[in-house]
Amino acid sequence: HPFDSSKWGRVCRFLILDGVLEKNRIVEPLEATENDLLVVHSESYLNSLKSKCLHYRREMFMDLLRIHHNTSYQISHQVLVDVGHIYCIFILHTKILDNLIFFDLQIPPVALLPNCLAQKKILHPFRKQVGGTILAAKLAKERGWAINVGGGFHHCCAQKGGGFCAYADISLCIHYSFTRLNISRVMIIDLDAHQGNGHEQDFSNDRRVYILDMYNPGIYPFDYEARRFIDQKVEVVSRTTTNDYLAKLDEALQVHPHKLSSCPIFIFL
């Protein structure tokens, strides 16, 4: 689907114009440095994002393609780049052998851009958003709550990216909370339609992190291994009404009220 890199700024502008948000309430974060990112990512992974070899970066994300074993395929792509927008359009051509397969492709656009353009238009803004997630945690500890308009890259884990997520800002934020903010427990409430398989993999054996994930099991990423690490699964199918969705969420939040009260910090996605 389209990847719109300007949506976060438009959200802030809309809220300011509507009188909901004051400009002096907005704090610009610092860009996450390589040393920051090395807290969760390996040097080889970060170097792979800088790679000038298009083929290598594309191969790094090929695990997102679930190709039927007897279907040959090729991918043609068109990348439209503008100052404020980046859209990726993927066209999948399949040669039918036994049946026709439709794919929901979610390949990060960084895999298809020249390195210099990827750094300027995608990875630099992503690193700023990672910095925003860390800053939001710090401000939430100081003032009770904070919102990072960007970030929430819940498909990225320490070892690999996926689904438009190049950096594991959630994992980095949690590490920061444990080591710098004197936080002992964290609860992730992931309300994105897609399963948050990145943070689920990173904290699979960490009992300090409680994960409530409300997602549609019929769409990307189909990470059945990571689903084993969700403490509380709320599966919601397509075309669920708003009222039904909110009722399911309210019910989920009542299942373990002691879990809620024991967590000093919450991460909503």
C-alpha atoms as a PDB file:
ATOM      1  CA  HIS A   1       0.000   0.000   0.000  1.00  0.00           C
ATOM      2  CA  PRO A   2       1.136   3.635  -0.361  1.00  0.00           C
ATOM      3  CA  PHE A   3       3.848   4.745   2.035  1.00  0.00           C
ATOM      4  CA  ASP A   4       3.211   8.407   2.838  1.00  0.00           C
ATOM      5  CA  SER A   5       6.138   9.945   4.694  1.00  0.00           C
ATOM      6  CA  SER A   6       4.391  13.286   5.258  1.00  0.00           C
ATOM      7  CA  LYS A   7       1.385  12.015   7.214  1.00  0.00           C
ATOM      8  CA  TRP A   8       2.940  12.668  10.617  1.00  0.00           C
ATOM      9  CA  GLY A   9       3.525  16.351   9.927  1.00  0.00           C
ATOM     10  CA  ARG A  10       0.005  16.713   8.557  1.00  0.00           C
ATOM     11  CA  VAL A  11      -1.427  15.273  11.770  1.00  0.00           C
ATOM     12  CA  CYS A  12       0.319  17.959  13.827  1.00  0.00           C
ATOM     13  CA  ARG A  13      -0.705  20.747  11.447  1.00  0.00           C
ATOM     14  CA  PHE A  14      -4.318  19.585  11.510  1.00  0.00           C
ATOM     15  CA  LEU A  15      -4.398  19.502  15.323  1.00  0.00           C
ATOM     16  CA  ILE A  16      -2.859  22.980  15.535  1.00  0.00           C
ATOM     17  CA  LEU A  17      -5.318  24.440  13.011  1.00  0.00           C
ATOM     18  CA  ASP A  18      -8.194  22.798  14.868  1.00  0.00           C
ATOM     19  CA  GLY A  19      -7.074  24.335  18.158  1.00  0.00           C
ATOM     20  CA  VAL A  20      -6.458  20.980  19.815  1.00  0.00           C
ATOM     21  CA  LEU A  21      -2.684  21.361  20.013  1.00  0.00           C
ATOM     22  CA  GLU A  22      -0.510  24.367  20.826  1.00  0.00           C
ATOM     23  CA  LYS A  23       2.803  24.789  19.038  1.00  0.00           C
ATOM     24  CA  ASN A  24       4.681  25.234  22.304  1.00  0.00           C
ATOM     25  CA  ARG A  25       3.619  21.711  23.273  1.00  0.00           C
ATOM     26  CA  ILE A  26       5.597  20.207  20.402  1.00  0.00           C
ATOM     27  CA  VAL A  27       9.169  19.141  21.093  1.00  0.00           C
ATOM     28  CA  GLU A  28      11.468  18.152  18.234  1.00  0.00           C
ATOM     29  CA  PRO A  29      13.554  15.079  19.054  1.00  0.00           C
ATOM     30  CA  LEU A  30      17.184  14.438  18.280  1.00  0.00           C
ATOM     31  CA  GLU A  31      18.063  11.882  15.650  1.00  0.00           C
ATOM     32  CA  ALA A  32      19.010   8.508  17.120  1.00  0.00           C
ATOM     33  CA  THR A  33      22.748   7.990  16.720  1.00  0.00           C
ATOM     34  CA  GLU A  34      24.446   4.804  15.584  1.00  0.00           C
ATOM     35  CA  ASN A  35      25.525   4.168  19.180  1.00  0.00           C
ATOM     36  CA  ASP A  36      21.890   4.467  20.242  1.00  0.00           C
ATOM     37  CA  LEU A  37      20.799   1.967  17.609  1.00  0.00           C
ATOM     38  CA  LEU A  38      23.594  -0.446  18.540  1.00  0.00           C
ATOM     39  CA  VAL A  39      21.867  -0.966  21.888  1.00  0.00           C
ATOM     40  CA  VAL A  40      19.426  -3.275  20.101  1.00  0.00           C
ATOM     41  CA  HIS A  41      20.774  -3.771  16.565  1.00  0.00           C
ATOM     42  CA  SER A  42      23.957  -5.451  15.415  1.00  0.00           C
ATOM     43  CA  GLU A  43      26.554  -3.494  13.481  1.00  0.00           C
ATOM     44  CA  SER A  44      26.094  -5.821  10.523  1.00  0.00           C
ATOM     45  CA  TYR A  45      22.369  -5.061  10.388  1.00  0.00           C
ATOM     46  CA  LEU A  46      22.949  -1.300  10.454  1.00  0.00           C
ATOM     47  CA  ASN A  47      25.621  -1.648   7.780  1.00  0.00           C
ATOM     48  CA  SER A  48      23.205  -3.602   5.620  1.00  0.00           C
ATOM     49  CA  LEU A  49      20.866  -0.597   5.606  1.00  0.00           C
ATOM     50  CA  LYS A  50      23.716   1.517   4.278  1.00  0.00           C
ATOM     51  CA  SER A  51      24.652  -1.001   1.622  1.00  0.00           C
ATOM     52  CA  LYS A  52      24.946   0.327  -1.919  1.00  0.00           C
ATOM     53  CA  CYS A  53      24.010  -3.040  -3.312  1.00  0.00           C
ATOM     54  CA  LEU A  54      20.334  -2.954  -4.277  1.00  0.00           C
ATOM     55  CA  HIS A  55      20.201  -6.707  -4.614  1.00  0.00           C
ATOM     56  CA  TYR A  56      21.481  -7.244  -1.068  1.00  0.00           C
ATOM     57  CA  ARG A  57      18.949  -4.887   0.483  1.00  0.00           C
ATOM     58  CA  ARG A  58      16.152  -6.470  -1.512  1.00  0.00           C
ATOM     59  CA  GLU A  59      17.211  -9.956  -0.434  1.00  0.00           C
ATOM     60  CA  MET A  60      17.240  -8.826   3.187  1.00  0.00           C
ATOM     61  CA  PHE A  61      13.481  -8.413   3.056  1.00  0.00           C
ATOM     62  CA  MET A  62      12.582 -11.372   0.872  1.00  0.00           C
ATOM     63  CA  ASP A  63      11.283 -13.265   3.895  1.00  0.00           C
ATOM     64  CA  LEU A  64       8.232 -11.018   3.652  1.00  0.00           C
ATOM     65  CA  LEU A  65       7.257 -12.658   0.381  1.00  0.00           C
ATOM     66  CA  ARG A  66       5.304 -15.851   0.831  1.00  0.00           C
ATOM     67  CA  ILE A  67       5.543 -17.361  -2.607  1.00  0.00           C
ATOM     68  CA  HIS A  68       3.792 -20.604  -3.410  1.00  0.00           C
ATOM     69  CA  HIS A  69       6.382 -23.314  -4.104  1.00  0.00           C
ATOM     70  CA  ASN A  70       5.154 -24.023  -7.648  1.00  0.00           C
ATOM     71  CA  THR A  71       4.509 -20.444  -8.768  1.00  0.00           C
ATOM     72  CA  SER A  72       7.180 -18.581 -10.694  1.00  0.00           C
ATOM     73  CA  TYR A  73       7.115 -14.808 -10.276  1.00  0.00           C
ATOM     74  CA  GLN A  74       8.758 -11.531 -11.023  1.00  0.00           C
ATOM     75  CA  ILE A  75       8.324  -8.125  -9.418  1.00  0.00           C
ATOM     76  CA  SER A  76       8.247  -4.833 -11.242  1.00  0.00           C
ATOM     77  CA  HIS A  77       8.162  -1.663  -9.213  1.00  0.00           C
ATOM     78  CA  GLN A  78       7.814   2.056  -9.567  1.00  0.00           C
ATOM     79  CA  VAL A  79       8.944   4.456  -6.871  1.00  0.00           C
ATOM     80  CA  LEU A  80       7.532   7.977  -6.899  1.00  0.00           C
ATOM     81  CA  VAL A  81       9.601  10.453  -4.903  1.00  0.00           C
ATOM     82  CA  ASP A  82       8.549  13.980  -4.041  1.00  0.00           C
ATOM     83  CA  VAL A  83       9.807  16.456  -1.450  1.00  0.00           C
ATOM     84  CA  GLY A  84       7.075  15.650   1.030  1.00  0.00           C
ATOM     85  CA  HIS A  85       5.848  12.276  -0.134  1.00  0.00           C
ATOM     86  CA  ILE A  86       7.290   8.892  -0.894  1.00  0.00           C
ATOM     87  CA  TYR A  87       5.014   6.295  -2.409  1.00  0.00           C
ATOM     88  CA  CYS A  88       5.952   2.775  -3.344  1.00  0.00           C
ATOM     89  CA  ILE A  89       3.818   0.979  -5.871  1.00  0.00           C
ATOM     90  CA  PHE A  90       4.373  -2.742  -6.248  1.00  0.00           C
ATOM     91  CA  ILE A  91       2.994  -4.688  -9.163  1.00  0.00           C
ATOM     92  CA  LEU A  92       3.183  -8.441  -8.853  1.00  0.00           C
ATOM     93  CA  HIS A  93       3.078 -10.506 -12.029  1.00  0.00           C
ATOM     94  CA  THR A  94       2.488 -14.210 -11.457  1.00  0.00           C
ATOM     95  CA  LYS A  95       2.741 -17.004 -13.958  1.00  0.00           C
ATOM     96  CA  ILE A  96      -0.084 -19.357 -13.098  1.00  0.00           C
ATOM     97  CA  LEU A  97       0.846 -23.004 -12.880  1.00  0.00           C
ATOM     98  CA  ASP A  98      -1.793 -24.461 -10.584  1.00  0.00           C
ATOM     99  CA  ASN A  99      -3.691 -21.518  -9.201  1.00  0.00           C
ATOM    100  CA  LEU A 100      -3.725 -17.742  -8.916  1.00  0.00           C
ATOM    101  CA  ILE A 101      -2.277 -16.235  -5.782  1.00  0.00           C
ATOM    102  CA  PHE A 102      -2.731 -12.689  -4.562  1.00  0.00           C
ATOM    103  CA  PHE A 103      -0.140 -11.235  -2.234  1.00  0.00           C
ATOM    104  CA  ASP A 104      -0.293  -8.382   0.239  1.00  0.00           C
ATOM    105  CA  LEU A 105       3.225  -7.027  -0.179  1.00  0.00           C
ATOM    106  CA  GLN A 106       4.731  -4.927   2.567  1.00  0.00           C
ATOM    107  CA  ILE A 107       8.364  -4.392   1.625  1.00  0.00           C
ATOM    108  CA  PRO A 108      10.097  -1.365   3.149  1.00  0.00           C
ATOM    109  CA  PRO A 109      10.835   1.177   0.410  1.00  0.00           C
ATOM    110  CA  VAL A 110      14.419   1.451   1.645  1.00  0.00           C
ATOM    111  CA  ALA A 111      15.037  -1.849  -0.127  1.00  0.00           C
ATOM    112  CA  LEU A 112      14.330  -0.289  -3.514  1.00  0.00           C
ATOM    113  CA  LEU A 113      16.011   3.133  -3.345  1.00  0.00           C
ATOM    114  CA  PRO A 114      19.609   4.200  -4.042  1.00  0.00           C
ATOM    115  CA  ASN A 115      21.582   4.476  -0.815  1.00  0.00           C
ATOM    116  CA  CYS A 116      21.915   8.283  -0.831  1.00  0.00           C
ATOM    117  CA  LEU A 117      18.191   8.753  -1.414  1.00  0.00           C
ATOM    118  CA  ALA A 118      17.271   6.090   1.132  1.00  0.00           C
ATOM    119  CA  GLN A 119      19.391   7.814   3.784  1.00  0.00           C
ATOM    120  CA  LYS A 120      17.989  11.293   3.123  1.00  0.00           C
ATOM    121  CA  LYS A 121      14.335  10.521   2.475  1.00  0.00           C
ATOM    122  CA  ILE A 122      13.692   7.462   4.628  1.00  0.00           C
ATOM    123  CA  LEU A 123      16.364   6.406   7.103  1.00  0.00           C
ATOM    124  CA  HIS A 124      17.118   9.893   8.445  1.00  0.00           C
ATOM    125  CA  PRO A 125      13.405  10.603   9.164  1.00  0.00           C
ATOM    126  CA  PHE A 126      13.091   7.117  10.665  1.00  0.00           C
ATOM    127  CA  ARG A 127      16.008   7.804  13.023  1.00  0.00           C
ATOM    128  CA  LYS A 128      14.376  11.074  14.054  1.00  0.00           C
ATOM    129  CA  GLN A 129      11.232   9.127  14.887  1.00  0.00           C
ATOM    130  CA  VAL A 130      13.274   6.668  16.932  1.00  0.00           C
ATOM    131  CA  GLY A 131      14.596   9.655  18.860  1.00  0.00           C
ATOM    132  CA  GLY A 132      10.996  10.785  19.310  1.00  0.00           C
ATOM    133  CA  THR A 133      10.039   7.465  20.871  1.00  0.00           C
ATOM    134  CA  ILE A 134      12.876   7.740  23.392  1.00  0.00           C
ATOM    135  CA  LEU A 135      11.988  11.359  24.153  1.00  0.00           C
ATOM    136  CA  ALA A 136       8.327  10.417  24.624  1.00  0.00           C
ATOM    137  CA  ALA A 137       9.313   7.821  27.234  1.00  0.00           C
ATOM    138  CA  LYS A 138      11.383  10.404  29.099  1.00  0.00           C
ATOM    139  CA  LEU A 139       8.587  12.993  29.026  1.00  0.00           C
ATOM    140  CA  ALA A 140       5.975  10.411  30.015  1.00  0.00           C
ATOM    141  CA  LYS A 141       8.016   9.576  33.105  1.00  0.00           C
ATOM    142  CA  GLU A 142       8.350  13.273  33.957  1.00  0.00           C
ATOM    143  CA  ARG A 143       4.843  14.509  33.104  1.00  0.00           C
ATOM    144  CA  GLY A 144       2.567  11.491  33.050  1.00  0.00           C
ATOM    145  CA  TRP A 145       2.087  11.073  29.296  1.00  0.00           C
ATOM    146  CA  ALA A 146       3.562  11.946  25.927  1.00  0.00           C
ATOM    147  CA  ILE A 147       2.892  11.143  22.275  1.00  0.00           C
ATOM    148  CA  ASN A 148       5.356  10.475  19.493  1.00  0.00           C
ATOM    149  CA  VAL A 149       3.488  11.205  16.275  1.00  0.00           C
ATOM    150  CA  GLY A 150       5.878   8.953  14.365  1.00  0.00           C
ATOM    151  CA  GLY A 151       7.640   5.766  15.356  1.00  0.00           C
ATOM    152  CA  GLY A 152       5.967   2.604  16.560  1.00  0.00           C
ATOM    153  CA  PHE A 153       7.972   0.408  14.175  1.00  0.00           C
ATOM    154  CA  HIS A 154       6.543  -2.795  15.559  1.00  0.00           C
ATOM    155  CA  HIS A 155       7.578  -5.100  12.697  1.00  0.00           C
ATOM    156  CA  CYS A 156      11.282  -4.512  13.280  1.00  0.00           C
ATOM    157  CA  CYS A 157      13.199  -6.619  15.770  1.00  0.00           C
ATOM    158  CA  ALA A 158      16.868  -6.574  16.699  1.00  0.00           C
ATOM    159  CA  GLN A 159      17.881  -8.896  13.866  1.00  0.00           C
ATOM    160  CA  LYS A 160      15.828  -7.652  10.923  1.00  0.00           C
ATOM    161  CA  GLY A 161      13.362  -5.099   9.595  1.00  0.00           C
ATOM    162  CA  GLY A 162      10.068  -5.548   7.798  1.00  0.00           C
ATOM    163  CA  GLY A 163       6.738  -3.917   6.975  1.00  0.00           C
ATOM    164  CA  PHE A 164       8.072  -0.341   6.516  1.00  0.00           C
ATOM    165  CA  CYS A 165       9.992  -0.671   9.805  1.00  0.00           C
ATOM    166  CA  ALA A 166      13.783  -0.283   9.636  1.00  0.00           C
ATOM    167  CA  TYR A 167      14.615   0.363  13.307  1.00  0.00           C
ATOM    168  CA  ALA A 168      13.287  -1.296  16.465  1.00  0.00           C
ATOM    169  CA  ASP A 169      12.361   1.890  18.310  1.00  0.00           C
ATOM    170  CA  ILE A 170       9.994   0.090  20.677  1.00  0.00           C
ATOM    171  CA  SER A 171      12.691  -2.296  21.860  1.00  0.00           C
ATOM    172  CA  LEU A 172      15.156   0.574  22.212  1.00  0.00           C
ATOM    173  CA  CYS A 173      12.595   2.590  24.189  1.00  0.00           C
ATOM    174  CA  ILE A 174      12.019  -0.303  26.587  1.00  0.00           C
ATOM    175  CA  HIS A 175      15.754  -0.819  27.118  1.00  0.00           C
ATOM    176  CA  TYR A 176      16.069   2.915  27.788  1.00  0.00           C
ATOM    177  CA  SER A 177      13.193   2.763  30.289  1.00  0.00           C
ATOM    178  CA  PHE A 178      14.832  -0.099  32.163  1.00  0.00           C
ATOM    179  CA  THR A 179      18.347   1.354  32.260  1.00  0.00           C
ATOM    180  CA  ARG A 180      17.804   5.123  32.404  1.00  0.00           C
ATOM    181  CA  LEU A 181      14.305   5.733  33.781  1.00  0.00           C
ATOM    182  CA  ASN A 182      14.371   3.206  36.616  1.00  0.00           C
ATOM    183  CA  ILE A 183      11.310   1.416  35.217  1.00  0.00           C
ATOM    184  CA  SER A 184      10.844  -2.189  36.312  1.00  0.00           C
ATOM    185  CA  ARG A 185       7.920  -3.308  34.133  1.00  0.00           C
ATOM    186  CA  VAL A 186       6.443  -2.235  30.800  1.00  0.00           C
ATOM    187  CA  MET A 187       3.108  -3.039  29.191  1.00  0.00           C
ATOM    188  CA  ILE A 188       2.738  -2.807  25.418  1.00  0.00           C
ATOM    189  CA  ILE A 189      -0.817  -2.259  24.180  1.00  0.00           C
ATOM    190  CA  ASP A 190      -0.528  -2.742  20.431  1.00  0.00           C
ATOM    191  CA  LEU A 191      -3.713  -1.663  18.639  1.00  0.00           C
ATOM    192  CA  ASP A 192      -2.357  -1.571  15.101  1.00  0.00           C
ATOM    193  CA  ALA A 193      -4.292  -3.845  12.738  1.00  0.00           C
ATOM    194  CA  HIS A 194      -1.097  -5.803  12.076  1.00  0.00           C
ATOM    195  CA  GLN A 195       0.511  -8.098  14.608  1.00  0.00           C
ATOM    196  CA  GLY A 196       3.490  -6.461  16.332  1.00  0.00           C
ATOM    197  CA  ASN A 197       5.888  -9.295  15.663  1.00  0.00           C
ATOM    198  CA  GLY A 198       9.057  -7.227  16.116  1.00  0.00           C
ATOM    199  CA  HIS A 199       8.767  -6.396  19.809  1.00  0.00           C
ATOM    200  CA  GLU A 200       7.234  -9.819  20.433  1.00  0.00           C
ATOM    201  CA  GLN A 201      10.400 -11.488  19.171  1.00  0.00           C
ATOM    202  CA  ASP A 202      12.709  -9.155  21.077  1.00  0.00           C
ATOM    203  CA  PHE A 203      10.996  -9.701  24.433  1.00  0.00           C
ATOM    204  CA  SER A 204       9.919 -13.308  23.998  1.00  0.00           C
ATOM    205  CA  ASN A 205      11.546 -14.413  27.259  1.00  0.00           C
ATOM    206  CA  ASP A 206      11.467 -11.166  29.230  1.00  0.00           C
ATOM    207  CA  ARG A 207       8.781 -11.302  31.910  1.00  0.00           C
ATOM    208  CA  ARG A 208       9.251  -7.608  32.639  1.00  0.00           C
ATOM    209  CA  VAL A 209       7.365  -6.875  29.413  1.00  0.00           C
ATOM    210  CA  TYR A 210       3.653  -7.687  29.131  1.00  0.00           C
ATOM    211  CA  ILE A 211       2.215  -7.603  25.605  1.00  0.00           C
ATOM    212  CA  LEU A 212      -1.439  -7.112  24.704  1.00  0.00           C
ATOM    213  CA  ASP A 213      -1.763  -7.296  20.935  1.00  0.00           C
ATOM    214  CA  MET A 214      -5.094  -6.628  19.207  1.00  0.00           C
ATOM    215  CA  TYR A 215      -4.648  -7.507  15.544  1.00  0.00           C
ATOM    216  CA  ASN A 216      -6.171  -9.039  12.442  1.00  0.00           C
ATOM    217  CA  PRO A 217      -4.756 -12.576  12.062  1.00  0.00           C
ATOM    218  CA  GLY A 218      -5.713 -12.679   8.376  1.00  0.00           C
ATOM    219  CA  ILE A 219      -3.231 -10.035   7.214  1.00  0.00           C
ATOM    220  CA  TYR A 220       0.547  -9.461   7.264  1.00  0.00           C
ATOM    221  CA  PRO A 221       2.876 -10.498   8.902  1.00  0.00           C
ATOM    222  CA  PHE A 222       1.548 -14.026   9.600  1.00  0.00           C
ATOM    223  CA  ASP A 223       4.313 -14.521  12.179  1.00  0.00           C
ATOM    224  CA  TYR A 224       2.999 -17.590  13.972  1.00  0.00           C
ATOM    225  CA  GLU A 225       6.217 -18.060  15.930  1.00  0.00           C
ATOM    226  CA  ALA A 226       6.014 -14.546  17.413  1.00  0.00           C
ATOM    227  CA  ARG A 227       2.356 -15.061  18.324  1.00  0.00           C
ATOM    228  CA  ARG A 228       3.491 -17.553  20.948  1.00  0.00           C
ATOM    229  CA  PHE A 229       5.079 -14.674  22.840  1.00  0.00           C
ATOM    230  CA  ILE A 230       1.940 -12.526  23.099  1.00  0.00           C
ATOM    231  CA  ASP A 231       0.710 -12.504  26.688  1.00  0.00           C
ATOM    232  CA  GLN A 232      -2.804 -11.489  25.685  1.00  0.00           C
ATOM    233  CA  LYS A 233      -4.045 -12.004  22.125  1.00  0.00           C
ATOM    234  CA  VAL A 234      -7.167 -10.247  20.866  1.00  0.00           C
ATOM    235  CA  GLU A 235      -7.803 -11.340  17.293  1.00  0.00           C
ATOM    236  CA  VAL A 236     -10.134  -9.123  15.272  1.00  0.00           C
ATOM    237  CA  VAL A 237     -11.262 -10.086  11.782  1.00  0.00           C
ATOM    238  CA  SER A 238     -11.864  -7.731   8.868  1.00  0.00           C
ATOM    239  CA  ARG A 239     -15.107  -5.720   8.826  1.00  0.00           C
ATOM    240  CA  THR A 240     -15.450  -5.716  12.610  1.00  0.00           C
ATOM    241  CA  THR A 241     -17.625  -2.732  13.555  1.00  0.00           C
ATOM    242  CA  THR A 242     -16.315   0.104  15.695  1.00  0.00           C
ATOM    243  CA  ASN A 243     -18.632  -0.784  18.576  1.00  0.00           C
ATOM    244  CA  ASP A 244     -17.589  -4.432  18.515  1.00  0.00           C
ATOM    245  CA  TYR A 245     -13.930  -3.447  18.355  1.00  0.00           C
ATOM    246  CA  LEU A 246     -14.194  -1.120  21.347  1.00  0.00           C
ATOM    247  CA  ALA A 247     -16.138  -3.729  23.300  1.00  0.00           C
ATOM    248  CA  LYS A 248     -13.405  -6.312  22.671  1.00  0.00           C
ATOM    249  CA  LEU A 249     -10.741  -3.828  23.721  1.00  0.00           C
ATOM    250  CA  ASP A 250     -12.595  -2.896  26.903  1.00  0.00           C
ATOM    251  CA  GLU A 251     -13.028  -6.561  27.757  1.00  0.00           C
ATOM    252  CA  ALA A 252      -9.339  -7.233  27.139  1.00  0.00           C
ATOM    253  CA  LEU A 253      -8.289  -4.436  29.474  1.00  0.00           C
ATOM    254  CA  GLN A 254     -10.413  -5.966  32.241  1.00  0.00           C
ATOM    255  CA  VAL A 255      -8.909  -9.453  31.993  1.00  0.00           C
ATOM    256  CA  HIS A 256      -5.820  -8.780  34.088  1.00  0.00           C
ATOM    257  CA  PRO A 257      -6.404  -5.512  35.979  1.00  0.00           C
ATOM    258  CA  HIS A 258      -3.509  -6.346  38.315  1.00  0.00           C
ATOM    259  CA  LYS A 259      -1.207  -6.382  35.300  1.00  0.00           C
ATOM    260  CA  LEU A 260      -2.287  -2.854  34.452  1.00  0.00           C
ATOM    261  CA  SER A 261      -1.783  -1.567  37.975  1.00  0.00           C
ATOM    262  CA  SER A 262       1.669  -3.145  38.314  1.00  0.00           C
ATOM    263  CA  CYS A 263       3.128  -1.531  35.169  1.00  0.00           C
ATOM    264  CA  PRO A 264       4.516   1.978  35.729  1.00  0.00           C
ATOM    265  CA  ILE A 265       4.744   2.708  32.010  1.00  0.00           C
ATOM    266  CA  PHE A 266       2.544   1.839  29.048  1.00  0.00           C
ATOM    267  CA  ILE A 267       3.354   1.915  25.361  1.00  0.00           C
ATOM    268  CA  PHE A 268       0.338   2.372  23.098  1.00  0.00           C
ATOM    269  CA  LEU A 269       0.732   1.594  19.401  1.00  0.00           C
END
